[in-house]
Amino acid sequence: MVPFNLEFEFEEGHVAGTAEQLDQLTDTVGFMRYQVTAGERRSVICINMEEESPTPVASRDAENHYEAVHYPEQLSSFSEDEVFTPEEVSMIAAEIKVYNQTRSPKFDQMHLDF
């Protein structure tokens, strides 16, 4: 798939990055994988595209980490490795969802040729 450019506001400041959709369709739970590169960091992030309001994971304790690894369907977004913090993953997921919403065609914009 084609990578697209995004900008994230992390603790260290404004970070430009790219995201590339890895799956054509969501899985059975509603997650889609994206390869995200921001600065020197690169990770595969899974985002629940069917969930409207993402619930960020705020705590980084052992129980939350265990649940994120073993029950990812309970999260709205998570990273397959620990390159980005859970808060950064939530910000990245929100930016990707906004990008996808702006790119979705509206019915009145489509030209149908019968």
PDB file of N, CA and C in Angstrom:
ATOM      1  N   MET A   1       0.838  -1.170   0.000  1.00  0.00           N
ATOM      2  CA  MET A   1       0.000   0.000   0.000  1.00  0.00           C
ATOM      3  C   MET A   1       0.897   1.253   0.000  1.00  0.00           C
ATOM      4  N   VAL A   2       0.283   2.370  -0.228  1.00  0.00           N
ATOM      5  CA  VAL A   2       1.025   3.623  -0.368  1.00  0.00           C
ATOM      6  C   VAL A   2       1.163   4.308   0.993  1.00  0.00           C
ATOM      7  N   PRO A   3       2.389   4.668   1.394  1.00  0.00           N
ATOM      8  CA  PRO A   3       2.556   5.398   2.663  1.00  0.00           C
ATOM      9  C   PRO A   3       2.016   6.822   2.553  1.00  0.00           C
ATOM     10  N   PHE A   4       1.555   7.345   3.694  1.00  0.00           N
ATOM     11  CA  PHE A   4       1.084   8.731   3.724  1.00  0.00           C
ATOM     12  C   PHE A   4       1.747   9.437   4.896  1.00  0.00           C
ATOM     13  N   ASN A   5       1.873  10.745   4.784  1.00  0.00           N
ATOM     14  CA  ASN A   5       2.569  11.551   5.787  1.00  0.00           C
ATOM     15  C   ASN A   5       1.596  12.054   6.846  1.00  0.00           C
ATOM     16  N   LEU A   6       2.052  12.020   8.098  1.00  0.00           N
ATOM     17  CA  LEU A   6       1.287  12.529   9.229  1.00  0.00           C
ATOM     18  C   LEU A   6       2.206  13.326  10.121  1.00  0.00           C
ATOM     19  N   GLU A   7       1.618  14.127  11.011  1.00  0.00           N
ATOM     20  CA  GLU A   7       2.394  14.850  12.009  1.00  0.00           C
ATOM     21  C   GLU A   7       1.831  14.536  13.381  1.00  0.00           C
ATOM     22  N   PHE A   8       2.728  14.241  14.311  1.00  0.00           N
ATOM     23  CA  PHE A   8       2.338  13.864  15.661  1.00  0.00           C
ATOM     24  C   PHE A   8       2.902  14.864  16.654  1.00  0.00           C
ATOM     25  N   GLU A   9       2.209  15.065  17.752  1.00  0.00           N
ATOM     26  CA  GLU A   9       2.665  15.949  18.822  1.00  0.00           C
ATOM     27  C   GLU A   9       3.025  15.080  20.022  1.00  0.00           C
ATOM     28  N   PHE A  10       4.296  14.666  20.092  1.00  0.00           N
ATOM     29  CA  PHE A  10       4.777  13.847  21.197  1.00  0.00           C
ATOM     30  C   PHE A  10       5.354  14.754  22.279  1.00  0.00           C
ATOM     31  N   GLU A  11       5.788  14.159  23.395  1.00  0.00           N
ATOM     32  CA  GLU A  11       6.379  14.937  24.490  1.00  0.00           C
ATOM     33  C   GLU A  11       7.602  15.714  24.029  1.00  0.00           C
ATOM     34  N   GLU A  12       8.399  15.123  23.128  1.00  0.00           N
ATOM     35  CA  GLU A  12       9.598  15.806  22.655  1.00  0.00           C
ATOM     36  C   GLU A  12       9.297  16.878  21.636  1.00  0.00           C
ATOM     37  N   GLY A  13       8.019  17.023  21.264  1.00  0.00           N
ATOM     38  CA  GLY A  13       7.627  18.083  20.344  1.00  0.00           C
ATOM     39  C   GLY A  13       6.949  17.537  19.107  1.00  0.00           C
ATOM     40  N   HIS A  14       6.945  18.368  18.084  1.00  0.00           N
ATOM     41  CA  HIS A  14       6.292  18.051  16.820  1.00  0.00           C
ATOM     42  C   HIS A  14       7.141  17.047  16.042  1.00  0.00           C
ATOM     43  N   VAL A  15       6.549  15.910  15.654  1.00  0.00           N
ATOM     44  CA  VAL A  15       7.290  14.863  14.942  1.00  0.00           C
ATOM     45  C   VAL A  15       6.556  14.549  13.643  1.00  0.00           C
ATOM     46  N   ALA A  16       7.289  14.605  12.536  1.00  0.00           N
ATOM     47  CA  ALA A  16       6.721  14.201  11.250  1.00  0.00           C
ATOM     48  C   ALA A  16       6.940  12.711  11.084  1.00  0.00           C
ATOM     49  N   GLY A  17       5.952  12.046  10.509  1.00  0.00           N
ATOM     50  CA  GLY A  17       6.071  10.611  10.330  1.00  0.00           C
ATOM     51  C   GLY A  17       5.309  10.140   9.114  1.00  0.00           C
ATOM     52  N   THR A  18       5.445   8.860   8.837  1.00  0.00           N
ATOM     53  CA  THR A  18       4.702   8.233   7.753  1.00  0.00           C
ATOM     54  C   THR A  18       3.989   7.010   8.297  1.00  0.00           C
ATOM     55  N   ALA A  19       2.887   6.679   7.669  1.00  0.00           N
ATOM     56  CA  ALA A  19       2.137   5.472   8.016  1.00  0.00           C
ATOM     57  C   ALA A  19       1.789   4.762   6.716  1.00  0.00           C
ATOM     58  N   GLU A  20       1.875   3.449   6.757  1.00  0.00           N
ATOM     59  CA  GLU A  20       1.525   2.652   5.589  1.00  0.00           C
ATOM     60  C   GLU A  20       0.590   1.541   6.024  1.00  0.00           C
ATOM     61  N   GLN A  21      -0.557   1.475   5.395  1.00  0.00           N
ATOM     62  CA  GLN A  21      -1.544   0.448   5.713  1.00  0.00           C
ATOM     63  C   GLN A  21      -1.015  -0.890   5.228  1.00  0.00           C
ATOM     64  N   LEU A  22      -0.989  -1.903   6.113  1.00  0.00           N
ATOM     65  CA  LEU A  22      -0.453  -3.211   5.752  1.00  0.00           C
ATOM     66  C   LEU A  22      -1.542  -4.200   5.346  1.00  0.00           C
ATOM     67  N   ASP A  23      -2.776  -3.989   5.796  1.00  0.00           N
ATOM     68  CA  ASP A  23      -3.880  -4.900   5.497  1.00  0.00           C
ATOM     69  C   ASP A  23      -4.896  -4.188   4.612  1.00  0.00           C
ATOM     70  N   GLN A  24      -5.508  -4.934   3.686  1.00  0.00           N
ATOM     71  CA  GLN A  24      -6.547  -4.327   2.858  1.00  0.00           C
ATOM     72  C   GLN A  24      -7.872  -4.251   3.594  1.00  0.00           C
ATOM     73  N   LEU A  25      -8.127  -5.211   4.487  1.00  0.00           N
ATOM     74  CA  LEU A  25      -9.362  -5.241   5.262  1.00  0.00           C
ATOM     75  C   LEU A  25      -9.030  -5.435   6.735  1.00  0.00           C
ATOM     76  N   THR A  26      -9.974  -5.051   7.605  1.00  0.00           N
ATOM     77  CA  THR A  26      -9.769  -5.282   9.031  1.00  0.00           C
ATOM     78  C   THR A  26      -9.925  -6.768   9.335  1.00  0.00           C
ATOM     79  N   ASP A  27      -9.355  -7.188  10.467  1.00  0.00           N
ATOM     80  CA  ASP A  27      -9.530  -8.576  10.888  1.00  0.00           C
ATOM     81  C   ASP A  27     -10.926  -8.752  11.487  1.00  0.00           C
ATOM     82  N   THR A  28     -11.213  -9.937  12.010  1.00  0.00           N
ATOM     83  CA  THR A  28     -12.559 -10.230  12.511  1.00  0.00           C
ATOM     84  C   THR A  28     -12.947  -9.378  13.711  1.00  0.00           C
ATOM     85  N   VAL A  29     -11.973  -8.852  14.439  1.00  0.00           N
ATOM     86  CA  VAL A  29     -12.256  -8.025  15.609  1.00  0.00           C
ATOM     87  C   VAL A  29     -12.365  -6.548  15.225  1.00  0.00           C
ATOM     88  N   GLY A  30     -11.846  -6.166  14.060  1.00  0.00           N
ATOM     89  CA  GLY A  30     -11.926  -4.780  13.599  1.00  0.00           C
ATOM     90  C   GLY A  30     -10.586  -4.070  13.527  1.00  0.00           C
ATOM     91  N   PHE A  31      -9.486  -4.780  13.774  1.00  0.00           N
ATOM     92  CA  PHE A  31      -8.163  -4.157  13.766  1.00  0.00           C
ATOM     93  C   PHE A  31      -7.540  -4.182  12.381  1.00  0.00           C
ATOM     94  N   MET A  32      -6.769  -3.129  12.098  1.00  0.00           N
ATOM     95  CA  MET A  32      -5.991  -3.030  10.871  1.00  0.00           C
ATOM     96  C   MET A  32      -4.569  -2.646  11.264  1.00  0.00           C
ATOM     97  N   ARG A  33      -3.587  -3.223  10.573  1.00  0.00           N
ATOM     98  CA  ARG A  33      -2.188  -2.963  10.897  1.00  0.00           C
ATOM     99  C   ARG A  33      -1.617  -1.854  10.015  1.00  0.00           C
ATOM    100  N   TYR A  34      -0.799  -0.991  10.653  1.00  0.00           N
ATOM    101  CA  TYR A  34      -0.105   0.095   9.963  1.00  0.00           C
ATOM    102  C   TYR A  34       1.366   0.055  10.353  1.00  0.00           C
ATOM    103  N   GLN A  35       2.249   0.225   9.368  1.00  0.00           N
ATOM    104  CA  GLN A  35       3.683   0.401   9.621  1.00  0.00           C
ATOM    105  C   GLN A  35       3.895   1.890   9.819  1.00  0.00           C
ATOM    106  N   VAL A  36       4.313   2.299  11.012  1.00  0.00           N
ATOM    107  CA  VAL A  36       4.466   3.717  11.336  1.00  0.00           C
ATOM    108  C   VAL A  36       5.941   4.025  11.569  1.00  0.00           C
ATOM    109  N   THR A  37       6.417   5.079  10.934  1.00  0.00           N
ATOM    110  CA  THR A  37       7.777   5.565  11.134  1.00  0.00           C
ATOM    111  C   THR A  37       7.681   7.014  11.586  1.00  0.00           C
ATOM    112  N   ALA A  38       8.289   7.314  12.729  1.00  0.00           N
ATOM    113  CA  ALA A  38       8.314   8.681  13.250  1.00  0.00           C
ATOM    114  C   ALA A  38       9.722   8.943  13.753  1.00  0.00           C
ATOM    115  N   GLY A  39      10.438   9.775  13.031  1.00  0.00           N
ATOM    116  CA  GLY A  39      11.832  10.022  13.382  1.00  0.00           C
ATOM    117  C   GLY A  39      12.648   8.754  13.186  1.00  0.00           C
ATOM    118  N   GLU A  40      13.332   8.331  14.225  1.00  0.00           N
ATOM    119  CA  GLU A  40      14.159   7.123  14.168  1.00  0.00           C
ATOM    120  C   GLU A  40      13.391   5.866  14.590  1.00  0.00           C
ATOM    121  N   ARG A  41      12.151   6.043  15.002  1.00  0.00           N
ATOM    122  CA  ARG A  41      11.379   4.910  15.517  1.00  0.00           C
ATOM    123  C   ARG A  41      10.448   4.353  14.448  1.00  0.00           C
ATOM    124  N   ARG A  42      10.334   3.027  14.434  1.00  0.00           N
ATOM    125  CA  ARG A  42       9.478   2.333  13.475  1.00  0.00           C
ATOM    126  C   ARG A  42       8.793   1.183  14.188  1.00  0.00           C
ATOM    127  N   SER A  43       7.482   1.042  13.940  1.00  0.00           N
ATOM    128  CA  SER A  43       6.722  -0.007  14.613  1.00  0.00           C
ATOM    129  C   SER A  43       5.472  -0.343  13.817  1.00  0.00           C
ATOM    130  N   VAL A  44       4.951  -1.544  14.021  1.00  0.00           N
ATOM    131  CA  VAL A  44       3.652  -1.924  13.474  1.00  0.00           C
ATOM    132  C   VAL A  44       2.621  -1.650  14.553  1.00  0.00           C
ATOM    133  N   ILE A  45       1.633  -0.835  14.204  1.00  0.00           N
ATOM    134  CA  ILE A  45       0.582  -0.452  15.151  1.00  0.00           C
ATOM    135  C   ILE A  45      -0.747  -1.000  14.646  1.00  0.00           C
ATOM    136  N   CYS A  46      -1.486  -1.629  15.548  1.00  0.00           N
ATOM    137  CA  CYS A  46      -2.794  -2.184  15.212  1.00  0.00           C
ATOM    138  C   CYS A  46      -3.863  -1.234  15.753  1.00  0.00           C
ATOM    139  N   ILE A  47      -4.805  -0.860  14.885  1.00  0.00           N
ATOM    140  CA  ILE A  47      -5.824   0.117  15.254  1.00  0.00           C
ATOM    141  C   ILE A  47      -7.197  -0.489  14.996  1.00  0.00           C
ATOM    142  N   ASN A  48      -8.079  -0.370  15.987  1.00  0.00           N
ATOM    143  CA  ASN A  48      -9.445  -0.825  15.808  1.00  0.00           C
ATOM    144  C   ASN A  48     -10.181   0.238  15.008  1.00  0.00           C
ATOM    145  N   MET A  49     -10.415  -0.039  13.743  1.00  0.00           N
ATOM    146  CA  MET A  49     -11.020   0.942  12.845  1.00  0.00           C
ATOM    147  C   MET A  49     -12.536   1.006  13.010  1.00  0.00           C
ATOM    148  N   GLU A  50     -13.130   0.028  13.666  1.00  0.00           N
ATOM    149  CA  GLU A  50     -14.579   0.010  13.848  1.00  0.00           C
ATOM    150  C   GLU A  50     -15.017   0.742  15.100  1.00  0.00           C
ATOM    151  N   GLU A  51     -14.102   0.923  16.046  1.00  0.00           N
ATOM    152  CA  GLU A  51     -14.441   1.605  17.293  1.00  0.00           C
ATOM    153  C   GLU A  51     -14.385   3.103  17.078  1.00  0.00           C
ATOM    154  N   GLU A  52     -15.439   3.793  17.455  1.00  0.00           N
ATOM    155  CA  GLU A  52     -15.527   5.228  17.219  1.00  0.00           C
ATOM    156  C   GLU A  52     -14.652   6.044  18.160  1.00  0.00           C
ATOM    157  N   SER A  53     -14.768   5.805  19.466  1.00  0.00           N
ATOM    158  CA  SER A  53     -14.008   6.607  20.426  1.00  0.00           C
ATOM    159  C   SER A  53     -12.907   5.756  21.044  1.00  0.00           C
ATOM    160  N   PRO A  54     -11.642   6.023  20.673  1.00  0.00           N
ATOM    161  CA  PRO A  54     -10.552   5.237  21.222  1.00  0.00           C
ATOM    162  C   PRO A  54     -10.377   5.474  22.719  1.00  0.00           C
ATOM    163  N   THR A  55     -10.070   4.398  23.426  1.00  0.00           N
ATOM    164  CA  THR A  55      -9.816   4.480  24.854  1.00  0.00           C
ATOM    165  C   THR A  55      -8.323   4.303  25.077  1.00  0.00           C
ATOM    166  N   PRO A  56      -7.589   5.381  25.347  1.00  0.00           N
ATOM    167  CA  PRO A  56      -6.145   5.244  25.493  1.00  0.00           C
ATOM    168  C   PRO A  56      -5.766   4.490  26.761  1.00  0.00           C
ATOM    169  N   VAL A  57      -4.676   3.764  26.659  1.00  0.00           N
ATOM    170  CA  VAL A  57      -4.146   3.058  27.819  1.00  0.00           C
ATOM    171  C   VAL A  57      -3.215   4.017  28.539  1.00  0.00           C
ATOM    172  N   ALA A  58      -3.561   4.412  29.752  1.00  0.00           N
ATOM    173  CA  ALA A  58      -2.784   5.425  30.460  1.00  0.00           C
ATOM    174  C   ALA A  58      -1.725   4.807  31.367  1.00  0.00           C
ATOM    175  N   SER A  59      -2.009   3.694  31.963  1.00  0.00           N
ATOM    176  CA  SER A  59      -1.091   3.093  32.921  1.00  0.00           C
ATOM    177  C   SER A  59      -0.185   2.077  32.231  1.00  0.00           C
ATOM    178  N   ARG A  60       1.078   2.035  32.625  1.00  0.00           N
ATOM    179  CA  ARG A  60       2.026   1.108  32.013  1.00  0.00           C
ATOM    180  C   ARG A  60       2.433   0.018  32.990  1.00  0.00           C
ATOM    181  N   ASP A  61       1.547  -0.384  33.908  1.00  0.00           N
ATOM    182  CA  ASP A  61       1.909  -1.411  34.871  1.00  0.00           C
ATOM    183  C   ASP A  61       1.868  -2.793  34.233  1.00  0.00           C
ATOM    184  N   ALA A  62       2.309  -3.799  34.960  1.00  0.00           N
ATOM    185  CA  ALA A  62       2.451  -5.153  34.432  1.00  0.00           C
ATOM    186  C   ALA A  62       1.119  -5.754  34.007  1.00  0.00           C
ATOM    187  N   GLU A  63       0.065  -5.509  34.762  1.00  0.00           N
ATOM    188  CA  GLU A  63      -1.241  -6.081  34.417  1.00  0.00           C
ATOM    189  C   GLU A  63      -1.764  -5.523  33.094  1.00  0.00           C
ATOM    190  N   ASN A  64      -1.651  -4.222  32.913  1.00  0.00           N
ATOM    191  CA  ASN A  64      -2.093  -3.627  31.651  1.00  0.00           C
ATOM    192  C   ASN A  64      -1.247  -4.123  30.479  1.00  0.00           C
ATOM    193  N   HIS A  65       0.054  -4.279  30.712  1.00  0.00           N
ATOM    194  CA  HIS A  65       0.921  -4.784  29.647  1.00  0.00           C
ATOM    195  C   HIS A  65       0.531  -6.211  29.275  1.00  0.00           C
ATOM    196  N   TYR A  66       0.256  -7.040  30.281  1.00  0.00           N
ATOM    197  CA  TYR A  66      -0.150  -8.421  30.033  1.00  0.00           C
ATOM    198  C   TYR A  66      -1.439  -8.454  29.220  1.00  0.00           C
ATOM    199  N   GLU A  67      -2.412  -7.642  29.604  1.00  0.00           N
ATOM    200  CA  GLU A  67      -3.687  -7.614  28.894  1.00  0.00           C
ATOM    201  C   GLU A  67      -3.517  -7.093  27.472  1.00  0.00           C
ATOM    202  N   ALA A  68      -2.645  -6.121  27.277  1.00  0.00           N
ATOM    203  CA  ALA A  68      -2.415  -5.587  25.937  1.00  0.00           C
ATOM    204  C   ALA A  68      -1.805  -6.637  25.023  1.00  0.00           C
ATOM    205  N   VAL A  69      -0.919  -7.469  25.580  1.00  0.00           N
ATOM    206  CA  VAL A  69      -0.262  -8.503  24.783  1.00  0.00           C
ATOM    207  C   VAL A  69      -1.208  -9.671  24.526  1.00  0.00           C
ATOM    208  N   HIS A  70      -1.922 -10.115  25.552  1.00  0.00           N
ATOM    209  CA  HIS A  70      -2.739 -11.323  25.436  1.00  0.00           C
ATOM    210  C   HIS A  70      -4.192 -11.069  25.038  1.00  0.00           C
ATOM    211  N   TYR A  71      -4.697  -9.872  25.254  1.00  0.00           N
ATOM    212  CA  TYR A  71      -6.076  -9.540  24.905  1.00  0.00           C
ATOM    213  C   TYR A  71      -6.131  -8.206  24.152  1.00  0.00           C
ATOM    214  N   PRO A  72      -5.461  -8.125  23.001  1.00  0.00           N
ATOM    215  CA  PRO A  72      -5.410  -6.840  22.297  1.00  0.00           C
ATOM    216  C   PRO A  72      -6.777  -6.369  21.809  1.00  0.00           C
ATOM    217  N   GLU A  73      -7.735  -7.288  21.668  1.00  0.00           N
ATOM    218  CA  GLU A  73      -9.061  -6.887  21.196  1.00  0.00           C
ATOM    219  C   GLU A  73      -9.772  -5.975  22.180  1.00  0.00           C
ATOM    220  N   GLN A  74      -9.289  -5.907  23.437  1.00  0.00           N
ATOM    221  CA  GLN A  74      -9.890  -5.028  24.430  1.00  0.00           C
ATOM    222  C   GLN A  74      -9.395  -3.588  24.286  1.00  0.00           C
ATOM    223  N   LEU A  75      -8.383  -3.372  23.467  1.00  0.00           N
ATOM    224  CA  LEU A  75      -7.815  -2.040  23.275  1.00  0.00           C
ATOM    225  C   LEU A  75      -8.304  -1.462  21.956  1.00  0.00           C
ATOM    226  N   SER A  76      -8.213  -0.162  21.830  1.00  0.00           N
ATOM    227  CA  SER A  76      -8.557   0.456  20.553  1.00  0.00           C
ATOM    228  C   SER A  76      -7.335   0.558  19.652  1.00  0.00           C
ATOM    229  N   SER A  77      -6.132   0.556  20.248  1.00  0.00           N
ATOM    230  CA  SER A  77      -4.902   0.595  19.462  1.00  0.00           C
ATOM    231  C   SER A  77      -3.755   0.091  20.325  1.00  0.00           C
ATOM    232  N   PHE A  78      -2.805  -0.584  19.683  1.00  0.00           N
ATOM    233  CA  PHE A  78      -1.636  -1.075  20.404  1.00  0.00           C
ATOM    234  C   PHE A  78      -0.507  -1.292  19.419  1.00  0.00           C
ATOM    235  N   SER A  79       0.712  -1.331  19.946  1.00  0.00           N
ATOM    236  CA  SER A  79       1.899  -1.536  19.140  1.00  0.00           C
ATOM    237  C   SER A  79       2.350  -2.980  19.298  1.00  0.00           C
ATOM    238  N   GLU A  80       2.778  -3.603  18.199  1.00  0.00           N
ATOM    239  CA  GLU A  80       3.240  -4.988  18.274  1.00  0.00           C
ATOM    240  C   GLU A  80       4.567  -5.108  19.008  1.00  0.00           C
ATOM    241  N   ASP A  81       5.307  -4.042  19.095  1.00  0.00           N
ATOM    242  CA  ASP A  81       6.521  -4.001  19.917  1.00  0.00           C
ATOM    243  C   ASP A  81       6.450  -2.717  20.732  1.00  0.00           C
ATOM    244  N   GLU A  82       7.401  -2.487  21.578  1.00  0.00           N
ATOM    245  CA  GLU A  82       7.312  -1.352  22.507  1.00  0.00           C
ATOM    246  C   GLU A  82       8.187  -0.183  22.072  1.00  0.00           C
ATOM    247  N   VAL A  83       8.073   0.196  20.818  1.00  0.00           N
ATOM    248  CA  VAL A  83       8.848   1.326  20.302  1.00  0.00           C
ATOM    249  C   VAL A  83       8.202   2.645  20.718  1.00  0.00           C
ATOM    250  N   PHE A  84       6.870   2.709  20.655  1.00  0.00           N
ATOM    251  CA  PHE A  84       6.119   3.890  21.051  1.00  0.00           C
ATOM    252  C   PHE A  84       5.436   3.626  22.384  1.00  0.00           C
ATOM    253  N   THR A  85       5.276   4.677  23.182  1.00  0.00           N
ATOM    254  CA  THR A  85       4.550   4.532  24.449  1.00  0.00           C
ATOM    255  C   THR A  85       3.059   4.362  24.140  1.00  0.00           C
ATOM    256  N   PRO A  86       2.280   3.812  25.080  1.00  0.00           N
ATOM    257  CA  PRO A  86       0.834   3.680  24.841  1.00  0.00           C
ATOM    258  C   PRO A  86       0.163   5.021  24.523  1.00  0.00           C
ATOM    259  N   GLU A  87       0.622   6.099  25.150  1.00  0.00           N
ATOM    260  CA  GLU A  87       0.053   7.411  24.858  1.00  0.00           C
ATOM    261  C   GLU A  87       0.368   7.835  23.428  1.00  0.00           C
ATOM    262  N   GLU A  88       1.594   7.563  22.968  1.00  0.00           N
ATOM    263  CA  GLU A  88       1.974   7.897  21.596  1.00  0.00           C
ATOM    264  C   GLU A  88       1.186   7.060  20.596  1.00  0.00           C
ATOM    265  N   VAL A  89       0.979   5.789  20.925  1.00  0.00           N
ATOM    266  CA  VAL A  89       0.192   4.919  20.050  1.00  0.00           C
ATOM    267  C   VAL A  89      -1.227   5.464  19.909  1.00  0.00           C
ATOM    268  N   SER A  90      -1.809   5.935  21.013  1.00  0.00           N
ATOM    269  CA  SER A  90      -3.156   6.506  20.962  1.00  0.00           C
ATOM    270  C   SER A  90      -3.192   7.747  20.081  1.00  0.00           C
ATOM    271  N   MET A  91      -2.151   8.598  20.174  1.00  0.00           N
ATOM    272  CA  MET A  91      -2.086   9.790  19.334  1.00  0.00           C
ATOM    273  C   MET A  91      -1.934   9.419  17.858  1.00  0.00           C
ATOM    274  N   ILE A  92      -1.088   8.437  17.581  1.00  0.00           N
ATOM    275  CA  ILE A  92      -0.888   7.983  16.201  1.00  0.00           C
ATOM    276  C   ILE A  92      -2.191   7.417  15.648  1.00  0.00           C
ATOM    277  N   ALA A  93      -2.872   6.601  16.441  1.00  0.00           N
ATOM    278  CA  ALA A  93      -4.138   6.000  16.001  1.00  0.00           C
ATOM    279  C   ALA A  93      -5.164   7.081  15.692  1.00  0.00           C
ATOM    280  N   ALA A  94      -5.245   8.082  16.536  1.00  0.00           N
ATOM    281  CA  ALA A  94      -6.201   9.171  16.309  1.00  0.00           C
ATOM    282  C   ALA A  94      -5.888   9.908  15.012  1.00  0.00           C
ATOM    283  N   GLU A  95      -4.611  10.173  14.749  1.00  0.00           N
ATOM    284  CA  GLU A  95      -4.221  10.870  13.518  1.00  0.00           C
ATOM    285  C   GLU A  95      -4.529  10.028  12.281  1.00  0.00           C
ATOM    286  N   ILE A  96      -4.300   8.720  12.359  1.00  0.00           N
ATOM    287  CA  ILE A  96      -4.594   7.841  11.229  1.00  0.00           C
ATOM    288  C   ILE A  96      -6.099   7.790  10.977  1.00  0.00           C
ATOM    289  N   LYS A  97      -6.894   7.746  12.050  1.00  0.00           N
ATOM    290  CA  LYS A  97      -8.353   7.732  11.879  1.00  0.00           C
ATOM    291  C   LYS A  97      -8.838   9.038  11.247  1.00  0.00           C
ATOM    292  N   VAL A  98      -8.276  10.161  11.674  1.00  0.00           N
ATOM    293  CA  VAL A  98      -8.649  11.452  11.086  1.00  0.00           C
ATOM    294  C   VAL A  98      -8.270  11.474   9.607  1.00  0.00           C
ATOM    295  N   TYR A  99      -7.075  10.996   9.295  1.00  0.00           N
ATOM    296  CA  TYR A  99      -6.632  10.945   7.900  1.00  0.00           C
ATOM    297  C   TYR A  99      -7.588  10.095   7.064  1.00  0.00           C
ATOM    298  N   ASN A 100      -7.958   8.921   7.575  1.00  0.00           N
ATOM    299  CA  ASN A 100      -8.862   8.037   6.834  1.00  0.00           C
ATOM    300  C   ASN A 100     -10.238   8.668   6.649  1.00  0.00           C
ATOM    301  N   GLN A 101     -10.721   9.389   7.653  1.00  0.00           N
ATOM    302  CA  GLN A 101     -12.033  10.033   7.535  1.00  0.00           C
ATOM    303  C   GLN A 101     -12.025  11.132   6.478  1.00  0.00           C
ATOM    304  N   THR A 102     -10.916  11.856   6.364  1.00  0.00           N
ATOM    305  CA  THR A 102     -10.847  12.921   5.365  1.00  0.00           C
ATOM    306  C   THR A 102     -10.705  12.353   3.961  1.00  0.00           C
ATOM    307  N   ARG A 103     -10.214  11.129   3.841  1.00  0.00           N
ATOM    308  CA  ARG A 103     -10.024  10.518   2.526  1.00  0.00           C
ATOM    309  C   ARG A 103     -11.220   9.702   2.065  1.00  0.00           C
ATOM    310  N   SER A 104     -12.150   9.401   2.941  1.00  0.00           N
ATOM    311  CA  SER A 104     -13.279   8.568   2.535  1.00  0.00           C
ATOM    312  C   SER A 104     -14.183   9.345   1.587  1.00  0.00           C
ATOM    313  N   PRO A 105     -14.529   8.745   0.477  1.00  0.00           N
ATOM    314  CA  PRO A 105     -15.360   9.461  -0.497  1.00  0.00           C
ATOM    315  C   PRO A 105     -16.795   9.600   0.000  1.00  0.00           C
ATOM    316  N   LYS A 106     -17.380  10.723  -0.305  1.00  0.00           N
ATOM    317  CA  LYS A 106     -18.787  10.951  -0.006  1.00  0.00           C
ATOM    318  C   LYS A 106     -19.591  10.551  -1.242  1.00  0.00           C
ATOM    319  N   PHE A 107     -20.806  10.093  -1.037  1.00  0.00           N
ATOM    320  CA  PHE A 107     -21.594   9.599  -2.155  1.00  0.00           C
ATOM    321  C   PHE A 107     -21.803  10.676  -3.220  1.00  0.00           C
ATOM    322  N   ASP A 108     -21.999  11.917  -2.798  1.00  0.00           N
ATOM    323  CA  ASP A 108     -22.229  12.978  -3.783  1.00  0.00           C
ATOM    324  C   ASP A 108     -20.966  13.354  -4.541  1.00  0.00           C
ATOM    325  N   GLN A 109     -19.800  12.870  -4.106  1.00  0.00           N
ATOM    326  CA  GLN A 109     -18.556  13.137  -4.816  1.00  0.00           C
ATOM    327  C   GLN A 109     -18.244  12.064  -5.836  1.00  0.00           C
ATOM    328  N   MET A 110     -18.915  10.943  -5.738  1.00  0.00           N
ATOM    329  CA  MET A 110     -18.625   9.828  -6.628  1.00  0.00           C
ATOM    330  C   MET A 110     -19.412  10.000  -7.938  1.00  0.00           C
ATOM    331  N   HIS A 111     -18.771   9.677  -9.034  1.00  0.00           N
ATOM    332  CA  HIS A 111     -19.423   9.737 -10.344  1.00  0.00           C
ATOM    333  C   HIS A 111     -19.651   8.306 -10.792  1.00  0.00           C
ATOM    334  N   LEU A 112     -20.893   7.936 -10.886  1.00  0.00           N
ATOM    335  CA  LEU A 112     -21.226   6.580 -11.283  1.00  0.00           C
ATOM    336  C   LEU A 112     -21.563   6.586 -12.775  1.00  0.00           C
ATOM    337  N   ASP A 113     -20.963   5.669 -13.495  1.00  0.00           N
ATOM    338  CA  ASP A 113     -21.183   5.559 -14.931  1.00  0.00           C
ATOM    339  C   ASP A 113     -21.856   4.233 -15.222  1.00  0.00           C
ATOM    340  N   PHE A 114     -23.130   4.295 -15.591  1.00  0.00           N
ATOM    341  CA  PHE A 114     -23.857   3.050 -15.886  1.00  0.00           C
ATOM    342  C   PHE A 114     -23.990   2.861 -17.373  1.00  0.00           C
TER     343      PHE A 114
END
